[in-house]
Amino acid sequence: MLYSLLADALVVIHFAFTAFVVCGGFLSWRWRWMPFLHLPALAWGCWVEVSHSICPLTPLENHLRRLGGEAGYGEGFLAHYVVRMLYPPGLTWHIQWLLAGLLILVNVTAYSRFWRRRQA
């Protein structure tokens, strides 16, 4: 039971980190120090997405699930939780590059306003 709860808490943390990677640039509009936290997270998120890597939180979640008597999953976090909600089965590299491009586009938009406000 405890391991299952820890795995569920890790999923919440993972979702929060993923949301921060996607939208964290907009937090720079309020806090000027935010890019120092967000840009490394954004680089990590893009690298994981396009390199076919698995975030270390995914194996940790699977390990906690197995300790709790549940089955883990083989694919990455995004493929297991997010992609199943947004896309049909069969994540291709085209979709992964598209997701990375959208991620960069959202954050270029966020940071362009940040830089304009900073120079004003």
PDB file of N, CA and C in Angstrom:
ATOM      1  N   MET A   1       0.821  -1.200   0.000  1.00  0.00           N
ATOM      2  CA  MET A   1       0.000   0.000   0.000  1.00  0.00           C
ATOM      3  C   MET A   1       0.858   1.254   0.000  1.00  0.00           C
ATOM      4  N   LEU A   2       1.876   1.279   0.866  1.00  0.00           N
ATOM      5  CA  LEU A   2       2.749   2.459   0.951  1.00  0.00           C
ATOM      6  C   LEU A   2       3.482   2.676  -0.371  1.00  0.00           C
ATOM      7  N   TYR A   3       3.990   1.595  -0.965  1.00  0.00           N
ATOM      8  CA  TYR A   3       4.707   1.737  -2.229  1.00  0.00           C
ATOM      9  C   TYR A   3       3.790   2.217  -3.344  1.00  0.00           C
ATOM     10  N   SER A   4       2.568   1.754  -3.357  1.00  0.00           N
ATOM     11  CA  SER A   4       1.604   2.214  -4.360  1.00  0.00           C
ATOM     12  C   SER A   4       1.316   3.701  -4.191  1.00  0.00           C
ATOM     13  N   LEU A   5       1.180   4.142  -2.955  1.00  0.00           N
ATOM     14  CA  LEU A   5       0.959   5.569  -2.699  1.00  0.00           C
ATOM     15  C   LEU A   5       2.167   6.400  -3.115  1.00  0.00           C
ATOM     16  N   LEU A   6       3.362   5.887  -2.837  1.00  0.00           N
ATOM     17  CA  LEU A   6       4.576   6.594  -3.262  1.00  0.00           C
ATOM     18  C   LEU A   6       4.661   6.673  -4.785  1.00  0.00           C
ATOM     19  N   ALA A   7       4.288   5.586  -5.456  1.00  0.00           N
ATOM     20  CA  ALA A   7       4.289   5.596  -6.919  1.00  0.00           C
ATOM     21  C   ALA A   7       3.271   6.594  -7.447  1.00  0.00           C
ATOM     22  N   ASP A   8       2.098   6.652  -6.836  1.00  0.00           N
ATOM     23  CA  ASP A   8       1.083   7.625  -7.254  1.00  0.00           C
ATOM     24  C   ASP A   8       1.563   9.058  -7.017  1.00  0.00           C
ATOM     25  N   ALA A   9       2.210   9.290  -5.881  1.00  0.00           N
ATOM     26  CA  ALA A   9       2.766  10.622  -5.602  1.00  0.00           C
ATOM     27  C   ALA A   9       3.832  10.981  -6.635  1.00  0.00           C
ATOM     28  N   LEU A  10       4.623   9.996  -7.031  1.00  0.00           N
ATOM     29  CA  LEU A  10       5.646  10.240  -8.050  1.00  0.00           C
ATOM     30  C   LEU A  10       5.016  10.597  -9.391  1.00  0.00           C
ATOM     31  N   VAL A  11       3.887  10.002  -9.719  1.00  0.00           N
ATOM     32  CA  VAL A  11       3.169  10.354 -10.954  1.00  0.00           C
ATOM     33  C   VAL A  11       2.726  11.811 -10.901  1.00  0.00           C
ATOM     34  N   VAL A  12       2.222  12.244  -9.762  1.00  0.00           N
ATOM     35  CA  VAL A  12       1.805  13.635  -9.610  1.00  0.00           C
ATOM     36  C   VAL A  12       3.000  14.570  -9.791  1.00  0.00           C
ATOM     37  N   ILE A  13       4.130  14.219  -9.184  1.00  0.00           N
ATOM     38  CA  ILE A  13       5.356  15.024  -9.330  1.00  0.00           C
ATOM     39  C   ILE A  13       5.802  15.045 -10.785  1.00  0.00           C
ATOM     40  N   HIS A  14       5.728  13.897 -11.433  1.00  0.00           N
ATOM     41  CA  HIS A  14       6.139  13.790 -12.831  1.00  0.00           C
ATOM     42  C   HIS A  14       5.245  14.651 -13.725  1.00  0.00           C
ATOM     43  N   PHE A  15       3.934  14.599 -13.494  1.00  0.00           N
ATOM     44  CA  PHE A  15       3.012  15.459 -14.249  1.00  0.00           C
ATOM     45  C   PHE A  15       3.318  16.927 -14.000  1.00  0.00           C
ATOM     46  N   ALA A  16       3.577  17.278 -12.750  1.00  0.00           N
ATOM     47  CA  ALA A  16       3.888  18.678 -12.422  1.00  0.00           C
ATOM     48  C   ALA A  16       5.166  19.117 -13.122  1.00  0.00           C
ATOM     49  N   PHE A  17       6.182  18.264 -13.139  1.00  0.00           N
ATOM     50  CA  PHE A  17       7.432  18.602 -13.824  1.00  0.00           C
ATOM     51  C   PHE A  17       7.186  18.751 -15.322  1.00  0.00           C
ATOM     52  N   THR A  18       6.389  17.852 -15.895  1.00  0.00           N
ATOM     53  CA  THR A  18       6.080  17.935 -17.321  1.00  0.00           C
ATOM     54  C   THR A  18       5.336  19.229 -17.636  1.00  0.00           C
ATOM     55  N   ALA A  19       4.394  19.600 -16.803  1.00  0.00           N
ATOM     56  CA  ALA A  19       3.676  20.870 -16.994  1.00  0.00           C
ATOM     57  C   ALA A  19       4.628  22.054 -16.863  1.00  0.00           C
ATOM     58  N   PHE A  20       5.575  21.964 -15.940  1.00  0.00           N
ATOM     59  CA  PHE A  20       6.569  23.020 -15.780  1.00  0.00           C
ATOM     60  C   PHE A  20       7.446  23.131 -17.026  1.00  0.00           C
ATOM     61  N   VAL A  21       7.835  21.997 -17.587  1.00  0.00           N
ATOM     62  CA  VAL A  21       8.645  22.010 -18.813  1.00  0.00           C
ATOM     63  C   VAL A  21       7.874  22.692 -19.939  1.00  0.00           C
ATOM     64  N   VAL A  22       6.600  22.378 -20.072  1.00  0.00           N
ATOM     65  CA  VAL A  22       5.798  22.927 -21.162  1.00  0.00           C
ATOM     66  C   VAL A  22       5.491  24.405 -20.941  1.00  0.00           C
ATOM     67  N   CYS A  23       5.089  24.771 -19.757  1.00  0.00           N
ATOM     68  CA  CYS A  23       4.553  26.122 -19.516  1.00  0.00           C
ATOM     69  C   CYS A  23       5.399  26.980 -18.583  1.00  0.00           C
ATOM     70  N   GLY A  24       6.506  26.474 -18.123  1.00  0.00           N
ATOM     71  CA  GLY A  24       7.313  27.206 -17.151  1.00  0.00           C
ATOM     72  C   GLY A  24       7.851  28.535 -17.643  1.00  0.00           C
ATOM     73  N   GLY A  25       8.003  28.690 -18.937  1.00  0.00           N
ATOM     74  CA  GLY A  25       8.476  29.960 -19.479  1.00  0.00           C
ATOM     75  C   GLY A  25       7.539  31.108 -19.157  1.00  0.00           C
ATOM     76  N   PHE A  26       6.262  30.806 -19.052  1.00  0.00           N
ATOM     77  CA  PHE A  26       5.302  31.852 -18.719  1.00  0.00           C
ATOM     78  C   PHE A  26       5.463  32.335 -17.281  1.00  0.00           C
ATOM     79  N   LEU A  27       6.039  31.503 -16.418  1.00  0.00           N
ATOM     80  CA  LEU A  27       6.295  31.936 -15.042  1.00  0.00           C
ATOM     81  C   LEU A  27       7.373  33.017 -14.981  1.00  0.00           C
ATOM     82  N   SER A  28       8.178  33.104 -16.030  1.00  0.00           N
ATOM     83  CA  SER A  28       9.214  34.143 -16.063  1.00  0.00           C
ATOM     84  C   SER A  28       8.598  35.535 -16.186  1.00  0.00           C
ATOM     85  N   TRP A  29       7.349  35.626 -16.600  1.00  0.00           N
ATOM     86  CA  TRP A  29       6.685  36.927 -16.673  1.00  0.00           C
ATOM     87  C   TRP A  29       6.508  37.499 -15.272  1.00  0.00           C
ATOM     88  N   ARG A  30       6.386  36.620 -14.303  1.00  0.00           N
ATOM     89  CA  ARG A  30       6.168  37.056 -12.918  1.00  0.00           C
ATOM     90  C   ARG A  30       7.475  37.088 -12.123  1.00  0.00           C
ATOM     91  N   TRP A  31       8.299  36.066 -12.304  1.00  0.00           N
ATOM     92  CA  TRP A  31       9.538  35.941 -11.536  1.00  0.00           C
ATOM     93  C   TRP A  31      10.731  35.913 -12.493  1.00  0.00           C
ATOM     94  N   ARG A  32      11.567  36.906 -12.404  1.00  0.00           N
ATOM     95  CA  ARG A  32      12.699  37.038 -13.324  1.00  0.00           C
ATOM     96  C   ARG A  32      13.748  35.945 -13.156  1.00  0.00           C
ATOM     97  N   TRP A  33      13.779  35.297 -12.020  1.00  0.00           N
ATOM     98  CA  TRP A  33      14.753  34.233 -11.762  1.00  0.00           C
ATOM     99  C   TRP A  33      14.290  32.875 -12.308  1.00  0.00           C
ATOM    100  N   MET A  34      13.052  32.781 -12.742  1.00  0.00           N
ATOM    101  CA  MET A  34      12.494  31.507 -13.191  1.00  0.00           C
ATOM    102  C   MET A  34      13.259  30.873 -14.356  1.00  0.00           C
ATOM    103  N   PRO A  35      13.777  31.640 -15.324  1.00  0.00           N
ATOM    104  CA  PRO A  35      14.522  30.977 -16.408  1.00  0.00           C
ATOM    105  C   PRO A  35      15.711  30.138 -15.926  1.00  0.00           C
ATOM    106  N   PHE A  36      16.288  30.488 -14.789  1.00  0.00           N
ATOM    107  CA  PHE A  36      17.409  29.701 -14.268  1.00  0.00           C
ATOM    108  C   PHE A  36      16.972  28.302 -13.839  1.00  0.00           C
ATOM    109  N   LEU A  37      15.711  28.153 -13.492  1.00  0.00           N
ATOM    110  CA  LEU A  37      15.161  26.831 -13.178  1.00  0.00           C
ATOM    111  C   LEU A  37      14.530  26.177 -14.403  1.00  0.00           C
ATOM    112  N   HIS A  38      13.847  27.007 -15.194  1.00  0.00           N
ATOM    113  CA  HIS A  38      13.065  26.442 -16.286  1.00  0.00           C
ATOM    114  C   HIS A  38      13.904  26.010 -17.486  1.00  0.00           C
ATOM    115  N   LEU A  39      14.864  26.808 -17.895  1.00  0.00           N
ATOM    116  CA  LEU A  39      15.614  26.466 -19.114  1.00  0.00           C
ATOM    117  C   LEU A  39      16.341  25.119 -19.012  1.00  0.00           C
ATOM    118  N   PRO A  40      16.971  24.774 -17.883  1.00  0.00           N
ATOM    119  CA  PRO A  40      17.527  23.409 -17.788  1.00  0.00           C
ATOM    120  C   PRO A  40      16.443  22.331 -17.843  1.00  0.00           C
ATOM    121  N   ALA A  41      15.295  22.590 -17.224  1.00  0.00           N
ATOM    122  CA  ALA A  41      14.198  21.622 -17.284  1.00  0.00           C
ATOM    123  C   ALA A  41      13.690  21.473 -18.712  1.00  0.00           C
ATOM    124  N   LEU A  42      13.596  22.590 -19.435  1.00  0.00           N
ATOM    125  CA  LEU A  42      13.165  22.559 -20.831  1.00  0.00           C
ATOM    126  C   LEU A  42      14.158  21.776 -21.688  1.00  0.00           C
ATOM    127  N   ALA A  43      15.434  22.015 -21.477  1.00  0.00           N
ATOM    128  CA  ALA A  43      16.459  21.270 -22.237  1.00  0.00           C
ATOM    129  C   ALA A  43      16.345  19.775 -21.954  1.00  0.00           C
ATOM    130  N   TRP A  44      16.153  19.436 -20.697  1.00  0.00           N
ATOM    131  CA  TRP A  44      15.990  18.025 -20.324  1.00  0.00           C
ATOM    132  C   TRP A  44      14.758  17.423 -21.001  1.00  0.00           C
ATOM    133  N   GLY A  45      13.636  18.126 -20.952  1.00  0.00           N
ATOM    134  CA  GLY A  45      12.405  17.628 -21.555  1.00  0.00           C
ATOM    135  C   GLY A  45      12.533  17.413 -23.054  1.00  0.00           C
ATOM    136  N   CYS A  46      13.165  18.361 -23.735  1.00  0.00           N
ATOM    137  CA  CYS A  46      13.378  18.203 -25.188  1.00  0.00           C
ATOM    138  C   CYS A  46      14.300  17.034 -25.473  1.00  0.00           C
ATOM    139  N   TRP A  47      15.364  16.903 -24.692  1.00  0.00           N
ATOM    140  CA  TRP A  47      16.320  15.812 -24.918  1.00  0.00           C
ATOM    141  C   TRP A  47      15.650  14.461 -24.703  1.00  0.00           C
ATOM    142  N   VAL A  48      14.879  14.317 -23.642  1.00  0.00           N
ATOM    143  CA  VAL A  48      14.196  13.052 -23.376  1.00  0.00           C
ATOM    144  C   VAL A  48      13.222  12.740 -24.501  1.00  0.00           C
ATOM    145  N   GLU A  49      12.531  13.770 -24.994  1.00  0.00           N
ATOM    146  CA  GLU A  49      11.525  13.558 -26.042  1.00  0.00           C
ATOM    147  C   GLU A  49      12.143  13.101 -27.357  1.00  0.00           C
ATOM    148  N   VAL A  50      13.220  13.732 -27.796  1.00  0.00           N
ATOM    149  CA  VAL A  50      13.758  13.436 -29.132  1.00  0.00           C
ATOM    150  C   VAL A  50      14.821  12.338 -29.124  1.00  0.00           C
ATOM    151  N   SER A  51      15.368  12.000 -27.966  1.00  0.00           N
ATOM    152  CA  SER A  51      16.426  10.989 -27.926  1.00  0.00           C
ATOM    153  C   SER A  51      15.897   9.596 -27.629  1.00  0.00           C
ATOM    154  N   HIS A  52      14.580   9.468 -27.485  1.00  0.00           N
ATOM    155  CA  HIS A  52      13.958   8.185 -27.148  1.00  0.00           C
ATOM    156  C   HIS A  52      14.442   7.665 -25.801  1.00  0.00           C
ATOM    157  N   SER A  53      14.838   8.565 -24.934  1.00  0.00           N
ATOM    158  CA  SER A  53      15.275   8.195 -23.594  1.00  0.00           C
ATOM    159  C   SER A  53      14.065   8.096 -22.675  1.00  0.00           C
ATOM    160  N   ILE A  54      14.298   7.515 -21.538  1.00  0.00           N
ATOM    161  CA  ILE A  54      13.254   7.428 -20.520  1.00  0.00           C
ATOM    162  C   ILE A  54      13.730   8.213 -19.312  1.00  0.00           C
ATOM    163  N   CYS A  55      12.875   9.084 -18.832  1.00  0.00           N
ATOM    164  CA  CYS A  55      13.182   9.867 -17.645  1.00  0.00           C
ATOM    165  C   CYS A  55      13.434   8.909 -16.477  1.00  0.00           C
ATOM    166  N   PRO A  56      14.405   9.198 -15.631  1.00  0.00           N
ATOM    167  CA  PRO A  56      14.688   8.310 -14.492  1.00  0.00           C
ATOM    168  C   PRO A  56      13.516   8.151 -13.521  1.00  0.00           C
ATOM    169  N   LEU A  57      12.562   9.069 -13.557  1.00  0.00           N
ATOM    170  CA  LEU A  57      11.405   8.920 -12.676  1.00  0.00           C
ATOM    171  C   LEU A  57      10.525   7.746 -13.099  1.00  0.00           C
ATOM    172  N   THR A  58      10.541   7.391 -14.376  1.00  0.00           N
ATOM    173  CA  THR A  58       9.707   6.289 -14.869  1.00  0.00           C
ATOM    174  C   THR A  58      10.148   4.947 -14.293  1.00  0.00           C
ATOM    175  N   PRO A  59      11.437   4.580 -14.379  1.00  0.00           N
ATOM    176  CA  PRO A  59      11.840   3.318 -13.748  1.00  0.00           C
ATOM    177  C   PRO A  59      11.624   3.315 -12.227  1.00  0.00           C
ATOM    178  N   LEU A  60      11.779   4.487 -11.596  1.00  0.00           N
ATOM    179  CA  LEU A  60      11.531   4.568 -10.154  1.00  0.00           C
ATOM    180  C   LEU A  60      10.064   4.286  -9.856  1.00  0.00           C
ATOM    181  N   GLU A  61       9.170   4.875 -10.647  1.00  0.00           N
ATOM    182  CA  GLU A  61       7.744   4.597 -10.463  1.00  0.00           C
ATOM    183  C   GLU A  61       7.450   3.113 -10.668  1.00  0.00           C
ATOM    184  N   ASN A  62       7.999   2.528 -11.723  1.00  0.00           N
ATOM    185  CA  ASN A  62       7.785   1.099 -11.980  1.00  0.00           C
ATOM    186  C   ASN A  62       8.296   0.243 -10.819  1.00  0.00           C
ATOM    187  N   HIS A  63       9.441   0.604 -10.286  1.00  0.00           N
ATOM    188  CA  HIS A  63      10.020  -0.132  -9.155  1.00  0.00           C
ATOM    189  C   HIS A  63       9.092  -0.059  -7.937  1.00  0.00           C
ATOM    190  N   LEU A  64       8.607   1.145  -7.648  1.00  0.00           N
ATOM    191  CA  LEU A  64       7.684   1.304  -6.522  1.00  0.00           C
ATOM    192  C   LEU A  64       6.389   0.531  -6.756  1.00  0.00           C
ATOM    193  N   ARG A  65       5.915   0.511  -7.987  1.00  0.00           N
ATOM    194  CA  ARG A  65       4.696  -0.241  -8.295  1.00  0.00           C
ATOM    195  C   ARG A  65       4.911  -1.742  -8.085  1.00  0.00           C
ATOM    196  N   ARG A  66       6.054  -2.234  -8.532  1.00  0.00           N
ATOM    197  CA  ARG A  66       6.335  -3.664  -8.336  1.00  0.00           C
ATOM    198  C   ARG A  66       6.454  -3.999  -6.843  1.00  0.00           C
ATOM    199  N   LEU A  67       7.098  -3.116  -6.079  1.00  0.00           N
ATOM    200  CA  LEU A  67       7.190  -3.336  -4.632  1.00  0.00           C
ATOM    201  C   LEU A  67       5.811  -3.320  -3.983  1.00  0.00           C
ATOM    202  N   GLY A  68       4.901  -2.564  -4.556  1.00  0.00           N
ATOM    203  CA  GLY A  68       3.531  -2.503  -4.054  1.00  0.00           C
ATOM    204  C   GLY A  68       2.629  -3.604  -4.595  1.00  0.00           C
ATOM    205  N   GLY A  69       3.194  -4.529  -5.365  1.00  0.00           N
ATOM    206  CA  GLY A  69       2.412  -5.643  -5.887  1.00  0.00           C
ATOM    207  C   GLY A  69       1.664  -5.330  -7.169  1.00  0.00           C
ATOM    208  N   GLU A  70       1.983  -4.207  -7.812  1.00  0.00           N
ATOM    209  CA  GLU A  70       1.337  -3.837  -9.066  1.00  0.00           C
ATOM    210  C   GLU A  70       2.289  -4.114 -10.223  1.00  0.00           C
ATOM    211  N   ALA A  71       1.754  -4.079 -11.424  1.00  0.00           N
ATOM    212  CA  ALA A  71       2.579  -4.222 -12.621  1.00  0.00           C
ATOM    213  C   ALA A  71       3.084  -2.852 -13.038  1.00  0.00           C
ATOM    214  N   GLY A  72       4.316  -2.796 -13.466  1.00  0.00           N
ATOM    215  CA  GLY A  72       4.861  -1.564 -14.024  1.00  0.00           C
ATOM    216  C   GLY A  72       4.476  -1.455 -15.486  1.00  0.00           C
ATOM    217  N   TYR A  73       5.122  -0.565 -16.206  1.00  0.00           N
ATOM    218  CA  TYR A  73       4.879  -0.421 -17.640  1.00  0.00           C
ATOM    219  C   TYR A  73       6.211  -0.250 -18.341  1.00  0.00           C
ATOM    220  N   GLY A  74       6.240  -0.621 -19.638  1.00  0.00           N
ATOM    221  CA  GLY A  74       7.495  -0.645 -20.376  1.00  0.00           C
ATOM    222  C   GLY A  74       7.851   0.652 -21.079  1.00  0.00           C
ATOM    223  N   GLU A  75       6.833   1.399 -21.516  1.00  0.00           N
ATOM    224  CA  GLU A  75       7.114   2.622 -22.252  1.00  0.00           C
ATOM    225  C   GLU A  75       7.409   3.767 -21.291  1.00  0.00           C
ATOM    226  N   GLY A  76       7.750   4.910 -21.843  1.00  0.00           N
ATOM    227  CA  GLY A  76       8.046   6.085 -21.029  1.00  0.00           C
ATOM    228  C   GLY A  76       6.797   6.713 -20.432  1.00  0.00           C
ATOM    229  N   PHE A  77       7.017   7.662 -19.555  1.00  0.00           N
ATOM    230  CA  PHE A  77       5.950   8.347 -18.827  1.00  0.00           C
ATOM    231  C   PHE A  77       4.953   9.003 -19.766  1.00  0.00           C
ATOM    232  N   LEU A  78       5.444   9.782 -20.737  1.00  0.00           N
ATOM    233  CA  LEU A  78       4.541  10.468 -21.663  1.00  0.00           C
ATOM    234  C   LEU A  78       3.730   9.467 -22.473  1.00  0.00           C
ATOM    235  N   ALA A  79       4.388   8.433 -22.960  1.00  0.00           N
ATOM    236  CA  ALA A  79       3.678   7.433 -23.755  1.00  0.00           C
ATOM    237  C   ALA A  79       2.626   6.706 -22.907  1.00  0.00           C
ATOM    238  N   HIS A  80       2.930   6.446 -21.656  1.00  0.00           N
ATOM    239  CA  HIS A  80       2.006   5.690 -20.810  1.00  0.00           C
ATOM    240  C   HIS A  80       0.807   6.521 -20.354  1.00  0.00           C
ATOM    241  N   TYR A  81       1.043   7.763 -19.944  1.00  0.00           N
ATOM    242  CA  TYR A  81      -0.035   8.562 -19.369  1.00  0.00           C
ATOM    243  C   TYR A  81      -0.601   9.600 -20.337  1.00  0.00           C
ATOM    244  N   VAL A  82       0.263  10.411 -20.921  1.00  0.00           N
ATOM    245  CA  VAL A  82      -0.203  11.559 -21.695  1.00  0.00           C
ATOM    246  C   VAL A  82      -0.630  11.168 -23.106  1.00  0.00           C
ATOM    247  N   VAL A  83       0.199  10.431 -23.802  1.00  0.00           N
ATOM    248  CA  VAL A  83      -0.079  10.100 -25.199  1.00  0.00           C
ATOM    249  C   VAL A  83      -1.353   9.286 -25.324  1.00  0.00           C
ATOM    250  N   ARG A  84      -1.601   8.402 -24.394  1.00  0.00           N
ATOM    251  CA  ARG A  84      -2.829   7.601 -24.450  1.00  0.00           C
ATOM    252  C   ARG A  84      -4.071   8.477 -24.361  1.00  0.00           C
ATOM    253  N   MET A  85      -3.938   9.626 -23.694  1.00  0.00           N
ATOM    254  CA  MET A  85      -5.081  10.533 -23.594  1.00  0.00           C
ATOM    255  C   MET A  85      -5.226  11.393 -24.854  1.00  0.00           C
ATOM    256  N   LEU A  86      -4.118  11.749 -25.487  1.00  0.00           N
ATOM    257  CA  LEU A  86      -4.150  12.714 -26.573  1.00  0.00           C
ATOM    258  C   LEU A  86      -4.033  12.110 -27.963  1.00  0.00           C
ATOM    259  N   TYR A  87      -3.386  10.980 -28.082  1.00  0.00           N
ATOM    260  CA  TYR A  87      -3.082  10.404 -29.389  1.00  0.00           C
ATOM    261  C   TYR A  87      -3.483   8.940 -29.434  1.00  0.00           C
ATOM    262  N   PRO A  88      -3.727   8.438 -30.633  1.00  0.00           N
ATOM    263  CA  PRO A  88      -3.995   7.002 -30.758  1.00  0.00           C
ATOM    264  C   PRO A  88      -2.723   6.210 -30.451  1.00  0.00           C
ATOM    265  N   PRO A  89      -2.859   4.916 -30.184  1.00  0.00           N
ATOM    266  CA  PRO A  89      -1.676   4.096 -29.915  1.00  0.00           C
ATOM    267  C   PRO A  89      -0.676   4.162 -31.073  1.00  0.00           C
ATOM    268  N   GLY A  90       0.597   4.013 -30.764  1.00  0.00           N
ATOM    269  CA  GLY A  90       1.634   3.996 -31.785  1.00  0.00           C
ATOM    270  C   GLY A  90       2.353   5.323 -31.929  1.00  0.00           C
ATOM    271  N   LEU A  91       2.987   5.783 -30.873  1.00  0.00           N
ATOM    272  CA  LEU A  91       3.753   7.026 -30.928  1.00  0.00           C
ATOM    273  C   LEU A  91       4.924   6.840 -31.891  1.00  0.00           C
ATOM    274  N   THR A  92       4.964   7.678 -32.926  1.00  0.00           N
ATOM    275  CA  THR A  92       6.046   7.593 -33.911  1.00  0.00           C
ATOM    276  C   THR A  92       7.064   8.687 -33.649  1.00  0.00           C
ATOM    277  N   TRP A  93       8.206   8.573 -34.301  1.00  0.00           N
ATOM    278  CA  TRP A  93       9.237   9.607 -34.116  1.00  0.00           C
ATOM    279  C   TRP A  93       8.777  10.927 -34.707  1.00  0.00           C
ATOM    280  N   HIS A  94       7.900  10.879 -35.717  1.00  0.00           N
ATOM    281  CA  HIS A  94       7.344  12.126 -36.268  1.00  0.00           C
ATOM    282  C   HIS A  94       6.552  12.880 -35.204  1.00  0.00           C
ATOM    283  N   ILE A  95       5.738  12.142 -34.476  1.00  0.00           N
ATOM    284  CA  ILE A  95       4.941  12.770 -33.416  1.00  0.00           C
ATOM    285  C   ILE A  95       5.851  13.284 -32.308  1.00  0.00           C
ATOM    286  N   GLN A  96       6.888  12.532 -31.980  1.00  0.00           N
ATOM    287  CA  GLN A  96       7.813  12.979 -30.941  1.00  0.00           C
ATOM    288  C   GLN A  96       8.496  14.283 -31.348  1.00  0.00           C
ATOM    289  N   TRP A  97       8.929  14.388 -32.585  1.00  0.00           N
ATOM    290  CA  TRP A  97       9.553  15.628 -33.049  1.00  0.00           C
ATOM    291  C   TRP A  97       8.538  16.769 -33.100  1.00  0.00           C
ATOM    292  N   LEU A  98       7.309  16.456 -33.468  1.00  0.00           N
ATOM    293  CA  LEU A  98       6.260  17.463 -33.459  1.00  0.00           C
ATOM    294  C   LEU A  98       6.022  17.975 -32.039  1.00  0.00           C
ATOM    295  N   LEU A  99       5.958  17.060 -31.068  1.00  0.00           N
ATOM    296  CA  LEU A  99       5.783  17.462 -29.675  1.00  0.00           C
ATOM    297  C   LEU A  99       6.947  18.328 -29.203  1.00  0.00           C
ATOM    298  N   ALA A 100       8.153  17.952 -29.574  1.00  0.00           N
ATOM    299  CA  ALA A 100       9.319  18.758 -29.193  1.00  0.00           C
ATOM    300  C   ALA A 100       9.248  20.139 -29.845  1.00  0.00           C
ATOM    301  N   GLY A 101       8.833  20.192 -31.098  1.00  0.00           N
ATOM    302  CA  GLY A 101       8.697  21.482 -31.782  1.00  0.00           C
ATOM    303  C   GLY A 101       7.647  22.360 -31.135  1.00  0.00           C
ATOM    304  N   LEU A 102       6.514  21.763 -30.756  1.00  0.00           N
ATOM    305  CA  LEU A 102       5.476  22.526 -30.058  1.00  0.00           C
ATOM    306  C   LEU A 102       5.972  23.014 -28.701  1.00  0.00           C
ATOM    307  N   LEU A 103       6.735  22.172 -28.033  1.00  0.00           N
ATOM    308  CA  LEU A 103       7.311  22.549 -26.752  1.00  0.00           C
ATOM    309  C   LEU A 103       8.218  23.771 -26.902  1.00  0.00           C
ATOM    310  N   ILE A 104       9.039  23.756 -27.913  1.00  0.00           N
ATOM    311  CA  ILE A 104       9.934  24.885 -28.159  1.00  0.00           C
ATOM    312  C   ILE A 104       9.134  26.117 -28.573  1.00  0.00           C
ATOM    313  N   LEU A 105       8.143  25.946 -29.419  1.00  0.00           N
ATOM    314  CA  LEU A 105       7.330  27.082 -29.865  1.00  0.00           C
ATOM    315  C   LEU A 105       6.610  27.761 -28.699  1.00  0.00           C
ATOM    316  N   VAL A 106       6.015  26.975 -27.827  1.00  0.00           N
ATOM    317  CA  VAL A 106       5.341  27.541 -26.650  1.00  0.00           C
ATOM    318  C   VAL A 106       6.324  28.352 -25.820  1.00  0.00           C
ATOM    319  N   ASN A 107       7.524  27.827 -25.642  1.00  0.00           N
ATOM    320  CA  ASN A 107       8.481  28.504 -24.785  1.00  0.00           C
ATOM    321  C   ASN A 107       9.172  29.673 -25.471  1.00  0.00           C
ATOM    322  N   VAL A 108       9.319  29.642 -26.781  1.00  0.00           N
ATOM    323  CA  VAL A 108       9.823  30.818 -27.500  1.00  0.00           C
ATOM    324  C   VAL A 108       8.823  31.956 -27.336  1.00  0.00           C
ATOM    325  N   THR A 109       7.542  31.629 -27.422  1.00  0.00           N
ATOM    326  CA  THR A 109       6.509  32.633 -27.199  1.00  0.00           C
ATOM    327  C   THR A 109       6.612  33.221 -25.792  1.00  0.00           C
ATOM    328  N   ALA A 110       6.745  32.361 -24.809  1.00  0.00           N
ATOM    329  CA  ALA A 110       6.828  32.820 -23.420  1.00  0.00           C
ATOM    330  C   ALA A 110       8.067  33.689 -23.205  1.00  0.00           C
ATOM    331  N   TYR A 111       9.200  33.236 -23.698  1.00  0.00           N
ATOM    332  CA  TYR A 111      10.442  33.971 -23.436  1.00  0.00           C
ATOM    333  C   TYR A 111      10.580  35.220 -24.292  1.00  0.00           C
ATOM    334  N   SER A 112       9.921  35.279 -25.425  1.00  0.00           N
ATOM    335  CA  SER A 112       9.991  36.517 -26.210  1.00  0.00           C
ATOM    336  C   SER A 112       9.340  37.660 -25.431  1.00  0.00           C
ATOM    337  N   ARG A 113       8.239  37.394 -24.781  1.00  0.00           N
ATOM    338  CA  ARG A 113       7.621  38.437 -23.951  1.00  0.00           C
ATOM    339  C   ARG A 113       8.506  38.760 -22.747  1.00  0.00           C
ATOM    340  N   PHE A 114       9.102  37.739 -22.161  1.00  0.00           N
ATOM    341  CA  PHE A 114      10.001  37.950 -21.020  1.00  0.00           C
ATOM    342  C   PHE A 114      11.137  38.890 -21.408  1.00  0.00           C
ATOM    343  N   TRP A 115      11.768  38.646 -22.566  1.00  0.00           N
ATOM    344  CA  TRP A 115      12.898  39.480 -22.987  1.00  0.00           C
ATOM    345  C   TRP A 115      12.450  40.886 -23.353  1.00  0.00           C
ATOM    346  N   ARG A 116      11.289  41.017 -23.976  1.00  0.00           N
ATOM    347  CA  ARG A 116      10.777  42.350 -24.304  1.00  0.00           C
ATOM    348  C   ARG A 116      10.513  43.150 -23.041  1.00  0.00           C
ATOM    349  N   ARG A 117       9.903  42.551 -22.051  1.00  0.00           N
ATOM    350  CA  ARG A 117       9.624  43.242 -20.801  1.00  0.00           C
ATOM    351  C   ARG A 117      10.905  43.568 -20.056  1.00  0.00           C
ATOM    352  N   ARG A 118      11.894  42.712 -20.153  1.00  0.00           N
ATOM    353  CA  ARG A 118      13.147  42.929 -19.440  1.00  0.00           C
ATOM    354  C   ARG A 118      13.914  44.119 -20.041  1.00  0.00           C
ATOM    355  N   GLN A 119      13.821  44.292 -21.359  1.00  0.00           N
ATOM    356  CA  GLN A 119      14.546  45.374 -22.007  1.00  0.00           C
ATOM    357  C   GLN A 119      13.818  46.698 -21.919  1.00  0.00           C
ATOM    358  N   ALA A 120      12.564  46.680 -21.521  1.00  0.00           N
ATOM    359  CA  ALA A 120      11.775  47.913 -21.419  1.00  0.00           C
ATOM    360  C   ALA A 120      12.073  48.662 -20.129  1.00  0.00           C
TER     361      ALA A 120
END
